[in-house]
N, C-alpha and C. Protein backbone atom coordinates (compact mmCIF):
# COMPACT_ATOMS: atom_id res chain seq x y z
N UNK A 1 3.33 79.00 105.78
CA UNK A 1 3.55 80.23 106.54
C UNK A 1 3.10 80.06 108.22
N UNK A 2 2.36 79.24 108.34
CA UNK A 2 1.79 79.08 109.64
C UNK A 2 3.26 78.65 110.41
N UNK A 3 3.87 77.33 109.92
CA UNK A 3 4.72 76.73 110.41
C UNK A 3 6.27 78.03 110.65
N UNK A 4 6.43 79.03 109.69
CA UNK A 4 7.34 79.79 109.94
C UNK A 4 7.26 80.70 111.00
N UNK A 5 5.78 81.30 111.40
CA UNK A 5 5.41 82.01 112.21
C UNK A 5 5.81 81.48 113.95
N UNK A 6 5.27 80.11 113.79
CA UNK A 6 5.51 79.42 115.02
C UNK A 6 6.99 79.02 115.33
N UNK A 7 7.87 78.95 114.37
CA UNK A 7 9.20 78.63 114.51
C UNK A 7 10.06 79.78 115.07
N UNK A 8 9.55 80.78 114.58
CA UNK A 8 10.25 82.15 114.98
C UNK A 8 9.72 82.46 116.28
N UNK A 9 7.98 82.15 116.64
CA UNK A 9 7.66 82.61 118.13
C UNK A 9 8.49 81.61 119.09
N UNK A 10 9.01 80.41 118.80
CA UNK A 10 9.74 79.54 119.64
C UNK A 10 11.07 79.72 119.43
N UNK A 11 11.57 80.70 118.93
CA UNK A 11 13.13 81.13 118.88
C UNK A 11 13.72 79.92 117.97
N UNK A 12 13.01 79.55 116.91
CA UNK A 12 13.83 78.44 115.90
C UNK A 12 14.04 77.50 116.57
N UNK A 13 13.30 76.81 117.59
CA UNK A 13 13.51 75.62 118.28
C UNK A 13 14.82 75.55 119.28
N UNK A 14 15.47 76.65 119.25
CA UNK A 14 16.53 76.59 120.09
C UNK A 14 16.33 77.04 121.74
N UNK A 15 16.93 76.23 122.90
CA UNK A 15 16.81 76.39 124.05
C UNK A 15 17.69 77.58 124.71
N UNK A 16 17.16 78.38 125.33
CA UNK A 16 18.09 79.37 125.72
C UNK A 16 19.19 78.99 126.63
N UNK A 17 20.27 79.35 126.49
CA UNK A 17 21.56 78.90 127.09
C UNK A 17 21.38 79.09 128.59
N UNK A 18 21.03 80.42 129.06
CA UNK A 18 20.93 80.52 130.55
C UNK A 18 20.01 79.44 131.11
N UNK A 19 18.97 79.37 130.51
CA UNK A 19 17.91 78.43 131.12
C UNK A 19 18.51 77.01 131.19
N UNK A 20 19.43 76.64 129.98
CA UNK A 20 19.97 75.43 130.00
C UNK A 20 20.85 74.83 130.71
N UNK A 21 21.67 75.95 131.12
CA UNK A 21 22.59 76.11 132.34
C UNK A 21 22.55 75.95 133.81
N UNK A 22 21.41 76.77 133.84
CA UNK A 22 20.61 76.61 135.17
C UNK A 22 19.96 75.29 135.17
N UNK A 23 19.30 74.73 134.39
CA UNK A 23 18.79 73.62 134.77
C UNK A 23 19.94 72.30 134.92
N UNK A 24 21.10 72.68 134.13
CA UNK A 24 22.00 71.68 134.59
C UNK A 24 22.68 71.69 135.80
N UNK A 25 22.71 73.04 136.30
CA UNK A 25 23.28 73.26 137.67
C UNK A 25 22.23 72.59 138.84
N UNK A 26 21.05 72.66 138.50
CA UNK A 26 20.08 72.39 139.30
C UNK A 26 20.10 70.90 139.63
N UNK A 27 20.05 69.83 138.22
CA UNK A 27 20.06 68.82 138.45
C UNK A 27 21.34 68.25 138.97
N UNK A 28 22.53 68.95 138.89
CA UNK A 28 23.63 68.53 139.48
C UNK A 28 23.60 68.35 140.97
N UNK A 29 23.15 69.86 141.22
CA UNK A 29 23.19 70.16 142.79
C UNK A 29 22.28 69.24 143.43
N UNK A 30 20.88 68.86 142.78
CA UNK A 30 19.89 68.02 143.44
C UNK A 30 20.44 66.49 143.53
N UNK A 31 21.35 66.06 142.40
CA UNK A 31 22.01 64.48 142.45
C UNK A 31 22.82 64.68 143.52
N UNK A 32 23.69 65.76 143.92
CA UNK A 32 24.57 66.04 145.20
C UNK A 32 23.95 66.27 145.92
N UNK A 33 23.09 66.64 146.36
CA UNK A 33 22.12 66.52 147.78
C UNK A 33 21.70 65.49 147.72
N UNK A 34 21.21 64.67 147.13
CA UNK A 34 20.44 63.48 147.16
C UNK A 34 21.34 62.15 147.44
N UNK A 35 22.78 62.28 146.78
CA UNK A 35 23.78 61.60 147.24
C UNK A 35 24.38 61.94 148.85
N UNK A 36 24.12 62.86 149.39
CA UNK A 36 24.41 63.29 150.67
C UNK A 36 23.88 62.79 151.33
N UNK A 37 22.59 63.03 151.14
CA UNK A 37 21.16 62.25 152.09
C UNK A 37 21.55 60.77 152.53
N UNK A 38 21.91 60.17 150.94
CA UNK A 38 21.72 58.86 151.00
C UNK A 38 23.10 58.11 151.85
N UNK A 39 24.14 58.89 151.63
CA UNK A 39 25.18 58.47 152.50
C UNK A 39 25.15 58.88 154.02
N UNK A 40 24.36 59.99 154.33
CA UNK A 40 24.18 60.19 155.53
C UNK A 40 23.13 59.11 156.16
N UNK A 41 22.25 58.89 155.79
CA UNK A 41 21.60 57.70 155.99
C UNK A 41 21.78 56.22 156.18
N UNK A 42 22.82 55.81 155.16
CA UNK A 42 23.35 54.62 155.23
C UNK A 42 24.28 54.49 156.20
N UNK A 43 25.11 55.65 156.53
CA UNK A 43 26.24 55.37 157.59
C UNK A 43 25.72 55.67 158.79
N UNK A 44 24.56 56.45 158.99
CA UNK A 44 23.62 56.50 160.51
C UNK A 44 23.00 55.06 160.55
N UNK A 45 22.62 54.23 159.65
CA UNK A 45 22.10 53.04 159.89
C UNK A 45 22.96 51.75 160.43
N UNK A 46 24.29 52.08 160.30
CA UNK A 46 25.30 50.96 160.62
C UNK A 46 25.71 51.29 162.22
């Protein structure tokens, strides 16, 4: 009975779709920004 309550409180183990999409967008944007900075510094060093 206790496990049923905690499962319902956590949304049955599902991750909210909006949070997942936002997290994916932040990860992609962070990698694009990191690649831009890497490219900027590598071209500036030449």
